[in-house]
Amino acid sequence: MEEQKQTLERNNIQLFEDKRIRTAWDENAEDWYFSIVDVVEVLTDSETPRRYWSDLKRKLKAEGSQLYEKIVQLKMMSSDGKKYSTDVATTEQLLRIIQSIPSPKAEPFKMWLASVGRERIEETIDPELTIDRALTTYLKKGYSREWINQRLQAIQVRKELTDEWDNRGVKKGVEYAILTDEITKAWAGMSTRQYKGYKGLKKENLRDNMSTLELVLNMLAEATTTEISKAATPKTLDENRKVAKRGGSIAGNARKEIEADTGKPIITKKNAVDFSELLSDVIEDTNKA
């Protein structure tokens, strides 16, 4: 628990309907922790949110809920300017707690959860729906169709790479992350976490915040790694790391050549917000013309 506390960058205040919700970002887990009492107060308008949460906790414990056992405490700033230990929950845990609160304000969350569950069942039956929904989501966020086409292609390239890793006995999770880091460092010159930090990202998907050229080079690195792996047939994690580095280096050389020719860096601090604003500016200028 002590190590976990040390990885929390800072306490933040998020606003919902002009009411504060204290949060903390866990750098290692790449996840937010929310003050449960603050969320309860927002959802219930209770004058005694601590008592409400205390009663709900007892109910969860009596029901044998595993969620109760996973609740942790962090020190957060109170209204008197002092820090006190407060029950907190991750996003996933918080959504489960919200399901236990009979509040009109909780209904949008419950409807969203039901919708997500329904969509996952539909996508299992017809995987093409996943692509259609991704396309719609990216369009709503303001991405151009050209960028979206590259992003969807990048998803396919990544899938082919992870399929190859599965064939080589690479384990999902930590080992995937290790090999991804090798590829990223080889072509971009920084680890995945450093890359996200450079762009000012936290929980966001790195690929969703890449420019078209960044995406193309990342695809080249992953596609090349896949082909080298098929030819080299690595059998250990160390051998897979060497293959990942080789694949990333080829894309890294391409990046250096492009930068030398154009005099401009490929990797920038621009992220999804910048891309969306750029698109809006283009549309606005076109309408004025």
C-alpha atoms as a PDB file:
ATOM      1  CA  MET A   1       0.000   0.000   0.000  1.00  0.00           C
ATOM      2  CA  GLU A   2       2.861   2.348   0.800  1.00  0.00           C
ATOM      3  CA  GLU A   3       4.378   1.798  -2.641  1.00  0.00           C
ATOM      4  CA  GLN A   4       0.987   2.469  -4.188  1.00  0.00           C
ATOM      5  CA  LYS A   5       0.705   5.785  -2.353  1.00  0.00           C
ATOM      6  CA  GLN A   6       4.116   6.831  -3.634  1.00  0.00           C
ATOM      7  CA  THR A   7       3.035   6.338  -7.242  1.00  0.00           C
ATOM      8  CA  LEU A   8       0.062   8.679  -6.894  1.00  0.00           C
ATOM      9  CA  GLU A   9       1.076  11.939  -8.535  1.00  0.00           C
ATOM     10  CA  ARG A  10      -1.294  14.359  -6.872  1.00  0.00           C
ATOM     11  CA  ASN A  11      -4.850  14.964  -5.693  1.00  0.00           C
ATOM     12  CA  ASN A  12      -7.144  16.640  -8.190  1.00  0.00           C
ATOM     13  CA  ILE A  13     -10.608  18.128  -8.058  1.00  0.00           C
ATOM     14  CA  GLN A  14     -13.006  17.058 -10.802  1.00  0.00           C
ATOM     15  CA  LEU A  15     -16.317  18.922 -11.076  1.00  0.00           C
ATOM     16  CA  PHE A  16     -19.693  17.299 -11.710  1.00  0.00           C
ATOM     17  CA  GLU A  17     -22.746  19.579 -11.716  1.00  0.00           C
ATOM     18  CA  ASP A  18     -20.637  22.182  -9.887  1.00  0.00           C
ATOM     19  CA  LYS A  19     -19.842  19.737  -7.102  1.00  0.00           C
ATOM     20  CA  ARG A  20     -16.300  18.608  -6.408  1.00  0.00           C
ATOM     21  CA  ILE A  21     -15.064  15.053  -6.664  1.00  0.00           C
ATOM     22  CA  ARG A  22     -11.578  14.444  -5.293  1.00  0.00           C
ATOM     23  CA  THR A  23      -9.379  12.209  -7.441  1.00  0.00           C
ATOM     24  CA  ALA A  24      -5.835  10.881  -7.541  1.00  0.00           C
ATOM     25  CA  TRP A  25      -3.877   9.518 -10.495  1.00  0.00           C
ATOM     26  CA  ASP A  26      -1.904   6.263 -10.103  1.00  0.00           C
ATOM     27  CA  GLU A  27       1.071   6.540 -12.454  1.00  0.00           C
ATOM     28  CA  ASN A  28       1.992   2.841 -12.324  1.00  0.00           C
ATOM     29  CA  ALA A  29      -1.500   1.419 -12.746  1.00  0.00           C
ATOM     30  CA  GLU A  30      -2.469   4.255 -15.119  1.00  0.00           C
ATOM     31  CA  ASP A  31      -5.815   4.614 -13.407  1.00  0.00           C
ATOM     32  CA  TRP A  32      -7.803   7.218 -11.492  1.00  0.00           C
ATOM     33  CA  TYR A  33      -8.959   6.828  -7.895  1.00  0.00           C
ATOM     34  CA  PHE A  34     -12.169   8.656  -6.940  1.00  0.00           C
ATOM     35  CA  SER A  35     -13.363   9.671  -3.492  1.00  0.00           C
ATOM     36  CA  ILE A  36     -16.426   7.459  -2.983  1.00  0.00           C
ATOM     37  CA  VAL A  37     -18.014   9.838  -0.466  1.00  0.00           C
ATOM     38  CA  ASP A  38     -17.848  12.694  -2.971  1.00  0.00           C
ATOM     39  CA  VAL A  39     -19.510  10.582  -5.663  1.00  0.00           C
ATOM     40  CA  VAL A  40     -22.193   9.419  -3.217  1.00  0.00           C
ATOM     41  CA  GLU A  41     -22.926  13.046  -2.302  1.00  0.00           C
ATOM     42  CA  VAL A  42     -23.328  13.989  -5.966  1.00  0.00           C
ATOM     43  CA  LEU A  43     -25.591  11.058  -6.802  1.00  0.00           C
ATOM     44  CA  THR A  44     -27.782  11.111  -3.706  1.00  0.00           C
ATOM     45  CA  ASP A  45     -27.762  14.787  -2.618  1.00  0.00           C
ATOM     46  CA  SER A  46     -27.489  13.323   0.871  1.00  0.00           C
ATOM     47  CA  GLU A  47     -26.648  15.709   3.708  1.00  0.00           C
ATOM     48  CA  THR A  48     -24.738  12.851   5.342  1.00  0.00           C
ATOM     49  CA  PRO A  49     -22.899  11.123   2.455  1.00  0.00           C
ATOM     50  CA  ARG A  50     -20.426   9.454   4.831  1.00  0.00           C
ATOM     51  CA  ARG A  51     -23.255   7.752   6.716  1.00  0.00           C
ATOM     52  CA  TYR A  52     -24.874   6.760   3.415  1.00  0.00           C
ATOM     53  CA  TRP A  53     -21.626   5.182   2.219  1.00  0.00           C
ATOM     54  CA  SER A  54     -21.071   3.522   5.600  1.00  0.00           C
ATOM     55  CA  ASP A  55     -24.508   1.884   5.392  1.00  0.00           C
ATOM     56  CA  LEU A  56     -23.892   0.821   1.789  1.00  0.00           C
ATOM     57  CA  LYS A  57     -20.538  -0.662   2.766  1.00  0.00           C
ATOM     58  CA  ARG A  58     -22.179  -2.769   5.453  1.00  0.00           C
ATOM     59  CA  LYS A  59     -24.750  -3.926   2.927  1.00  0.00           C
ATOM     60  CA  LEU A  60     -22.041  -4.908   0.433  1.00  0.00           C
ATOM     61  CA  LYS A  61     -20.155  -6.761   3.154  1.00  0.00           C
ATOM     62  CA  ALA A  62     -23.289  -8.626   4.257  1.00  0.00           C
ATOM     63  CA  GLU A  63     -23.925  -9.650   0.658  1.00  0.00           C
ATOM     64  CA  GLY A  64     -20.414 -11.060   0.448  1.00  0.00           C
ATOM     65  CA  SER A  65     -19.415  -8.632  -2.290  1.00  0.00           C
ATOM     66  CA  GLN A  66     -15.763  -8.905  -3.352  1.00  0.00           C
ATOM     67  CA  LEU A  67     -15.899  -5.200  -4.115  1.00  0.00           C
ATOM     68  CA  TYR A  68     -15.996  -4.419  -0.374  1.00  0.00           C
ATOM     69  CA  GLU A  69     -12.662  -6.214   0.154  1.00  0.00           C
ATOM     70  CA  LYS A  70     -10.944  -4.269  -2.633  1.00  0.00           C
ATOM     71  CA  ILE A  71     -11.785  -0.784  -1.357  1.00  0.00           C
ATOM     72  CA  VAL A  72      -8.617   1.069  -0.303  1.00  0.00           C
ATOM     73  CA  GLN A  73      -7.993   4.382   1.459  1.00  0.00           C
ATOM     74  CA  LEU A  74      -5.880   7.338   0.391  1.00  0.00           C
ATOM     75  CA  LYS A  75      -5.211  10.637   2.134  1.00  0.00           C
ATOM     76  CA  MET A  76      -7.109  13.424   0.388  1.00  0.00           C
ATOM     77  CA  MET A  77      -7.527  17.103   1.103  1.00  0.00           C
ATOM     78  CA  SER A  78     -10.639  17.990   3.078  1.00  0.00           C
ATOM     79  CA  SER A  79     -12.551  21.279   3.175  1.00  0.00           C
ATOM     80  CA  ASP A  80     -10.580  22.315   6.280  1.00  0.00           C
ATOM     81  CA  GLY A  81      -7.326  22.154   4.317  1.00  0.00           C
ATOM     82  CA  LYS A  82      -6.087  18.990   6.045  1.00  0.00           C
ATOM     83  CA  LYS A  83      -5.616  15.520   4.572  1.00  0.00           C
ATOM     84  CA  TYR A  84      -7.627  12.595   5.901  1.00  0.00           C
ATOM     85  CA  SER A  85      -7.812   8.930   4.919  1.00  0.00           C
ATOM     86  CA  THR A  86     -10.702   8.508   2.498  1.00  0.00           C
ATOM     87  CA  ASP A  87     -12.263   5.456   0.841  1.00  0.00           C
ATOM     88  CA  VAL A  88     -11.481   5.534  -2.886  1.00  0.00           C
ATOM     89  CA  ALA A  89     -12.372   3.416  -5.903  1.00  0.00           C
ATOM     90  CA  THR A  90     -11.096   2.911  -9.437  1.00  0.00           C
ATOM     91  CA  THR A  91     -13.328   3.678 -12.397  1.00  0.00           C
ATOM     92  CA  GLU A  92     -14.444   0.052 -12.672  1.00  0.00           C
ATOM     93  CA  GLN A  93     -15.153  -0.254  -8.950  1.00  0.00           C
ATOM     94  CA  LEU A  94     -16.987   3.062  -8.966  1.00  0.00           C
ATOM     95  CA  LEU A  95     -19.333   1.962 -11.732  1.00  0.00           C
ATOM     96  CA  ARG A  96     -20.197  -1.140  -9.698  1.00  0.00           C
ATOM     97  CA  ILE A  97     -20.911   1.007  -6.635  1.00  0.00           C
ATOM     98  CA  ILE A  98     -23.109   3.318  -8.693  1.00  0.00           C
ATOM     99  CA  GLN A  99     -25.209   0.304  -9.674  1.00  0.00           C
ATOM    100  CA  SER A 100     -26.059  -0.118  -5.974  1.00  0.00           C
ATOM    101  CA  ILE A 101     -27.273   3.459  -5.559  1.00  0.00           C
ATOM    102  CA  PRO A 102     -30.972   4.093  -6.382  1.00  0.00           C
ATOM    103  CA  SER A 103     -30.555   7.582  -7.776  1.00  0.00           C
ATOM    104  CA  PRO A 104     -31.956   9.289 -10.908  1.00  0.00           C
ATOM    105  CA  LYS A 105     -28.476  10.660 -11.536  1.00  0.00           C
ATOM    106  CA  ALA A 106     -27.097   7.112 -11.600  1.00  0.00           C
ATOM    107  CA  GLU A 107     -29.473   5.998 -14.340  1.00  0.00           C
ATOM    108  CA  PRO A 108     -27.330   7.355 -17.231  1.00  0.00           C
ATOM    109  CA  PHE A 109     -24.427   5.280 -15.921  1.00  0.00           C
ATOM    110  CA  LYS A 110     -26.592   2.164 -15.630  1.00  0.00           C
ATOM    111  CA  MET A 111     -27.992   2.667 -19.138  1.00  0.00           C
ATOM    112  CA  TRP A 112     -24.463   3.077 -20.464  1.00  0.00           C
ATOM    113  CA  LEU A 113     -23.369  -0.158 -18.784  1.00  0.00           C
ATOM    114  CA  ALA A 114     -26.361  -2.016 -20.241  1.00  0.00           C
ATOM    115  CA  SER A 115     -25.609  -0.566 -23.670  1.00  0.00           C
ATOM    116  CA  VAL A 116     -21.969  -1.628 -23.497  1.00  0.00           C
ATOM    117  CA  GLY A 117     -22.997  -5.147 -22.495  1.00  0.00           C
ATOM    118  CA  ARG A 118     -25.467  -5.365 -25.364  1.00  0.00           C
ATOM    119  CA  GLU A 119     -22.912  -4.075 -27.856  1.00  0.00           C
ATOM    120  CA  ARG A 120     -20.323  -6.634 -26.752  1.00  0.00           C
ATOM    121  CA  ILE A 121     -22.810  -9.476 -27.342  1.00  0.00           C
ATOM    122  CA  GLU A 122     -23.687  -8.096 -30.776  1.00  0.00           C
ATOM    123  CA  GLU A 123     -20.009  -7.718 -31.664  1.00  0.00           C
ATOM    124  CA  THR A 124     -19.341 -11.337 -30.699  1.00  0.00           C
ATOM    125  CA  ILE A 125     -22.013 -12.400 -33.188  1.00  0.00           C
ATOM    126  CA  ASP A 126     -20.929  -9.927 -35.885  1.00  0.00           C
ATOM    127  CA  PRO A 127     -17.316  -8.611 -35.392  1.00  0.00           C
ATOM    128  CA  GLU A 128     -17.798  -6.122 -38.243  1.00  0.00           C
ATOM    129  CA  LEU A 129     -19.966  -4.068 -35.877  1.00  0.00           C
ATOM    130  CA  THR A 130     -16.833  -3.334 -33.828  1.00  0.00           C
ATOM    131  CA  ILE A 131     -15.267  -1.596 -36.820  1.00  0.00           C
ATOM    132  CA  ASP A 132     -18.468   0.320 -37.615  1.00  0.00           C
ATOM    133  CA  ARG A 133     -18.758   1.579 -34.022  1.00  0.00           C
ATOM    134  CA  ALA A 134     -15.088   2.554 -33.936  1.00  0.00           C
ATOM    135  CA  LEU A 135     -15.537   4.516 -37.175  1.00  0.00           C
ATOM    136  CA  THR A 136     -18.572   6.342 -35.779  1.00  0.00           C
ATOM    137  CA  THR A 137     -16.796   7.131 -32.496  1.00  0.00           C
ATOM    138  CA  TYR A 138     -13.718   8.589 -34.211  1.00  0.00           C
ATOM    139  CA  LEU A 139     -15.870  10.710 -36.531  1.00  0.00           C
ATOM    140  CA  LYS A 140     -17.750  12.141 -33.538  1.00  0.00           C
ATOM    141  CA  LYS A 141     -14.423  13.017 -31.910  1.00  0.00           C
ATOM    142  CA  GLY A 142     -13.505  15.107 -34.953  1.00  0.00           C
ATOM    143  CA  TYR A 143     -10.877  12.928 -36.624  1.00  0.00           C
ATOM    144  CA  SER A 144     -10.551  13.078 -40.411  1.00  0.00           C
ATOM    145  CA  ARG A 145     -11.546  10.046 -42.501  1.00  0.00           C
ATOM    146  CA  GLU A 146      -7.955   9.761 -43.720  1.00  0.00           C
ATOM    147  CA  TRP A 147      -6.690   9.481 -40.144  1.00  0.00           C
ATOM    148  CA  ILE A 148      -9.463   7.027 -39.243  1.00  0.00           C
ATOM    149  CA  ASN A 149      -8.560   4.750 -42.158  1.00  0.00           C
ATOM    150  CA  GLN A 150      -4.963   4.649 -40.934  1.00  0.00           C
ATOM    151  CA  ARG A 151      -6.096   4.014 -37.335  1.00  0.00           C
ATOM    152  CA  LEU A 152      -8.323   1.092 -38.318  1.00  0.00           C
ATOM    153  CA  GLN A 153      -5.483  -0.342 -40.394  1.00  0.00           C
ATOM    154  CA  ALA A 154      -3.199   0.066 -37.386  1.00  0.00           C
ATOM    155  CA  ILE A 155      -5.635  -2.003 -35.310  1.00  0.00           C
ATOM    156  CA  GLN A 156      -5.409  -4.813 -37.881  1.00  0.00           C
ATOM    157  CA  VAL A 157      -1.613  -4.641 -37.957  1.00  0.00           C
ATOM    158  CA  ARG A 158      -1.494  -4.794 -34.154  1.00  0.00           C
ATOM    159  CA  LYS A 159      -3.822  -7.809 -34.156  1.00  0.00           C
ATOM    160  CA  GLU A 160      -1.564  -9.661 -36.605  1.00  0.00           C
ATOM    161  CA  LEU A 161       1.410  -8.916 -34.352  1.00  0.00           C
ATOM    162  CA  THR A 162      -0.284 -10.133 -31.166  1.00  0.00           C
ATOM    163  CA  ASP A 163      -1.453 -13.276 -33.008  1.00  0.00           C
ATOM    164  CA  GLU A 164       2.173 -13.931 -33.921  1.00  0.00           C
ATOM    165  CA  TRP A 165       3.243 -13.350 -30.311  1.00  0.00           C
ATOM    166  CA  ASP A 166       0.609 -15.825 -29.173  1.00  0.00           C
ATOM    167  CA  ASN A 167       2.045 -18.364 -31.595  1.00  0.00           C
ATOM    168  CA  ARG A 168       5.493 -17.796 -30.086  1.00  0.00           C
ATOM    169  CA  GLY A 169       4.261 -18.325 -26.529  1.00  0.00           C
ATOM    170  CA  VAL A 170       4.391 -14.664 -25.483  1.00  0.00           C
ATOM    171  CA  LYS A 171       2.071 -14.021 -22.541  1.00  0.00           C
ATOM    172  CA  LYS A 172      -0.539 -11.259 -22.613  1.00  0.00           C
ATOM    173  CA  GLY A 173      -0.074  -8.407 -20.183  1.00  0.00           C
ATOM    174  CA  VAL A 174       3.448  -7.832 -18.926  1.00  0.00           C
ATOM    175  CA  GLU A 175       5.273  -9.620 -21.767  1.00  0.00           C
ATOM    176  CA  TYR A 176       3.162  -7.858 -24.403  1.00  0.00           C
ATOM    177  CA  ALA A 177       4.082  -4.552 -22.725  1.00  0.00           C
ATOM    178  CA  ILE A 178       7.783  -5.431 -22.656  1.00  0.00           C
ATOM    179  CA  LEU A 179       7.879  -6.216 -26.383  1.00  0.00           C
ATOM    180  CA  THR A 180       5.766  -3.167 -27.257  1.00  0.00           C
ATOM    181  CA  ASP A 181       8.238  -1.017 -25.341  1.00  0.00           C
ATOM    182  CA  GLU A 182      11.140  -2.517 -27.320  1.00  0.00           C
ATOM    183  CA  ILE A 183       9.410  -1.687 -30.600  1.00  0.00           C
ATOM    184  CA  THR A 184       8.489   1.832 -29.496  1.00  0.00           C
ATOM    185  CA  LYS A 185      11.964   2.621 -28.154  1.00  0.00           C
ATOM    186  CA  ALA A 186      13.560   1.356 -31.370  1.00  0.00           C
ATOM    187  CA  TRP A 187      11.475   3.487 -33.730  1.00  0.00           C
ATOM    188  CA  ALA A 188      10.498   6.485 -31.583  1.00  0.00           C
ATOM    189  CA  GLY A 189      13.520   6.704 -29.286  1.00  0.00           C
ATOM    190  CA  MET A 190      11.464   6.524 -26.103  1.00  0.00           C
ATOM    191  CA  SER A 191       9.431   4.001 -24.122  1.00  0.00           C
ATOM    192  CA  THR A 192       5.652   3.860 -24.414  1.00  0.00           C
ATOM    193  CA  ARG A 193       5.254   5.600 -21.030  1.00  0.00           C
ATOM    194  CA  GLN A 194       7.757   8.304 -21.988  1.00  0.00           C
ATOM    195  CA  TYR A 195       5.947   8.767 -25.306  1.00  0.00           C
ATOM    196  CA  LYS A 196       2.612   9.215 -23.504  1.00  0.00           C
ATOM    197  CA  GLY A 197       4.206  11.590 -21.017  1.00  0.00           C
ATOM    198  CA  TYR A 198       5.677  13.633 -23.882  1.00  0.00           C
ATOM    199  CA  LYS A 199       2.204  14.078 -25.303  1.00  0.00           C
ATOM    200  CA  GLY A 200       0.712  14.869 -21.896  1.00  0.00           C
ATOM    201  CA  LEU A 201      -1.384  11.691 -21.785  1.00  0.00           C
ATOM    202  CA  LYS A 202      -2.451   9.550 -18.851  1.00  0.00           C
ATOM    203  CA  LYS A 203      -5.108   6.899 -19.381  1.00  0.00           C
ATOM    204  CA  GLU A 204      -5.653   7.794 -23.035  1.00  0.00           C
ATOM    205  CA  ASN A 205      -4.685   5.433 -25.852  1.00  0.00           C
ATOM    206  CA  LEU A 206      -1.334   6.488 -27.335  1.00  0.00           C
ATOM    207  CA  ARG A 207      -2.261   5.499 -30.901  1.00  0.00           C
ATOM    208  CA  ASP A 208      -5.415   7.645 -30.717  1.00  0.00           C
ATOM    209  CA  ASN A 209      -3.116  10.606 -30.106  1.00  0.00           C
ATOM    210  CA  MET A 210      -0.648   9.998 -32.928  1.00  0.00           C
ATOM    211  CA  SER A 211      -0.497  11.971 -36.153  1.00  0.00           C
ATOM    212  CA  THR A 212      -0.991  10.111 -39.442  1.00  0.00           C
ATOM    213  CA  LEU A 213       2.771   9.826 -39.970  1.00  0.00           C
ATOM    214  CA  GLU A 214       3.353   8.630 -36.405  1.00  0.00           C
ATOM    215  CA  LEU A 215       0.690   5.980 -36.966  1.00  0.00           C
ATOM    216  CA  VAL A 216       2.254   4.893 -40.257  1.00  0.00           C
ATOM    217  CA  LEU A 217       5.703   4.492 -38.726  1.00  0.00           C
ATOM    218  CA  ASN A 218       4.275   2.615 -35.735  1.00  0.00           C
ATOM    219  CA  MET A 219       2.454   0.316 -38.163  1.00  0.00           C
ATOM    220  CA  LEU A 220       5.665  -0.199 -40.130  1.00  0.00           C
ATOM    221  CA  ALA A 221       7.489  -1.132 -36.918  1.00  0.00           C
ATOM    222  CA  GLU A 222       4.813  -3.626 -35.836  1.00  0.00           C
ATOM    223  CA  ALA A 223       4.251  -5.120 -39.298  1.00  0.00           C
ATOM    224  CA  THR A 224       8.006  -5.558 -39.778  1.00  0.00           C
ATOM    225  CA  THR A 225       8.326  -7.186 -36.358  1.00  0.00           C
ATOM    226  CA  THR A 226       5.586  -9.642 -37.340  1.00  0.00           C
ATOM    227  CA  GLU A 227       7.370 -10.648 -40.564  1.00  0.00           C
ATOM    228  CA  ILE A 228      10.777 -10.971 -38.886  1.00  0.00           C
ATOM    229  CA  SER A 229       9.217 -13.092 -36.142  1.00  0.00           C
ATOM    230  CA  LYS A 230       7.664 -15.448 -38.692  1.00  0.00           C
ATOM    231  CA  ALA A 231      11.066 -15.891 -40.337  1.00  0.00           C
ATOM    232  CA  ALA A 232      13.167 -16.086 -37.152  1.00  0.00           C
ATOM    233  CA  THR A 233      10.687 -18.174 -35.077  1.00  0.00           C
ATOM    234  CA  PRO A 234      11.878 -16.889 -31.671  1.00  0.00           C
ATOM    235  CA  LYS A 235      11.272 -19.298 -28.793  1.00  0.00           C
ATOM    236  CA  THR A 236      12.021 -17.257 -25.677  1.00  0.00           C
ATOM    237  CA  LEU A 237      11.068 -13.821 -24.395  1.00  0.00           C
ATOM    238  CA  ASP A 238      14.650 -12.644 -24.873  1.00  0.00           C
ATOM    239  CA  GLU A 239      14.633 -13.798 -28.486  1.00  0.00           C
ATOM    240  CA  ASN A 240      11.304 -12.046 -29.039  1.00  0.00           C
ATOM    241  CA  ARG A 241      12.768  -8.849 -27.576  1.00  0.00           C
ATOM    242  CA  LYS A 242      15.588  -8.953 -30.104  1.00  0.00           C
ATOM    243  CA  VAL A 243      13.091  -9.432 -32.927  1.00  0.00           C
ATOM    244  CA  ALA A 244      10.968  -6.530 -31.631  1.00  0.00           C
ATOM    245  CA  LYS A 245      14.032  -4.298 -31.522  1.00  0.00           C
ATOM    246  CA  ARG A 246      14.966  -5.260 -35.112  1.00  0.00           C
ATOM    247  CA  GLY A 247      11.468  -4.514 -36.372  1.00  0.00           C
ATOM    248  CA  GLY A 248      11.304  -1.187 -34.562  1.00  0.00           C
ATOM    249  CA  SER A 249      14.769  -0.164 -35.755  1.00  0.00           C
ATOM    250  CA  ILE A 250      13.736  -0.424 -39.406  1.00  0.00           C
ATOM    251  CA  ALA A 251      10.906   2.036 -38.789  1.00  0.00           C
ATOM    252  CA  GLY A 252      13.299   4.123 -36.689  1.00  0.00           C
ATOM    253  CA  ASN A 253      15.682   4.442 -39.633  1.00  0.00           C
ATOM    254  CA  ALA A 254      12.771   5.524 -41.836  1.00  0.00           C
ATOM    255  CA  ARG A 255      11.829   8.171 -39.257  1.00  0.00           C
ATOM    256  CA  LYS A 256      15.378   9.547 -39.208  1.00  0.00           C
ATOM    257  CA  GLU A 257      15.511   9.714 -43.014  1.00  0.00           C
ATOM    258  CA  ILE A 258      12.209  11.581 -43.205  1.00  0.00           C
ATOM    259  CA  GLU A 259      13.300  14.015 -40.487  1.00  0.00           C
ATOM    260  CA  ALA A 260      16.637  14.607 -42.231  1.00  0.00           C
ATOM    261  CA  ASP A 261      14.886  15.271 -45.538  1.00  0.00           C
ATOM    262  CA  THR A 262      12.114  17.532 -44.191  1.00  0.00           C
ATOM    263  CA  GLY A 263      13.986  19.138 -41.318  1.00  0.00           C
ATOM    264  CA  LYS A 264      10.983  18.524 -39.074  1.00  0.00           C
ATOM    265  CA  PRO A 265      10.513  16.084 -36.173  1.00  0.00           C
ATOM    266  CA  ILE A 266       7.999  13.275 -36.725  1.00  0.00           C
ATOM    267  CA  ILE A 267       7.140  12.881 -33.043  1.00  0.00           C
ATOM    268  CA  THR A 268       5.433  15.930 -31.599  1.00  0.00           C
ATOM    269  CA  LYS A 269       3.545  16.865 -28.454  1.00  0.00           C
ATOM    270  CA  LYS A 270       0.323  17.164 -30.450  1.00  0.00           C
ATOM    271  CA  ASN A 271      -2.484  14.862 -29.355  1.00  0.00           C
ATOM    272  CA  ALA A 272      -6.133  14.161 -30.147  1.00  0.00           C
ATOM    273  CA  VAL A 273      -7.246  17.603 -28.937  1.00  0.00           C
ATOM    274  CA  ASP A 274      -4.851  19.319 -31.335  1.00  0.00           C
ATOM    275  CA  PHE A 275      -5.874  17.119 -34.261  1.00  0.00           C
ATOM    276  CA  SER A 276      -9.547  17.829 -33.586  1.00  0.00           C
ATOM    277  CA  GLU A 277      -8.921  21.607 -33.361  1.00  0.00           C
ATOM    278  CA  LEU A 278      -6.885  21.495 -36.574  1.00  0.00           C
ATOM    279  CA  LEU A 279      -9.741  19.773 -38.396  1.00  0.00           C
ATOM    280  CA  SER A 280     -12.241  22.320 -37.051  1.00  0.00           C
ATOM    281  CA  ASP A 281     -10.044  25.173 -38.301  1.00  0.00           C
ATOM    282  CA  VAL A 282      -9.847  23.630 -41.766  1.00  0.00           C
ATOM    283  CA  ILE A 283     -13.633  23.203 -41.920  1.00  0.00           C
ATOM    284  CA  GLU A 284     -14.189  26.788 -40.693  1.00  0.00           C
ATOM    285  CA  ASP A 285     -11.752  28.206 -43.294  1.00  0.00           C
ATOM    286  CA  THR A 286     -13.463  26.191 -46.049  1.00  0.00           C
ATOM    287  CA  ASN A 287     -16.886  27.531 -45.067  1.00  0.00           C
ATOM    288  CA  LYS A 288     -15.581  31.112 -45.138  1.00  0.00           C
ATOM    289  CA  ALA A 289     -14.064  30.689 -48.627  1.00  0.00           C
END
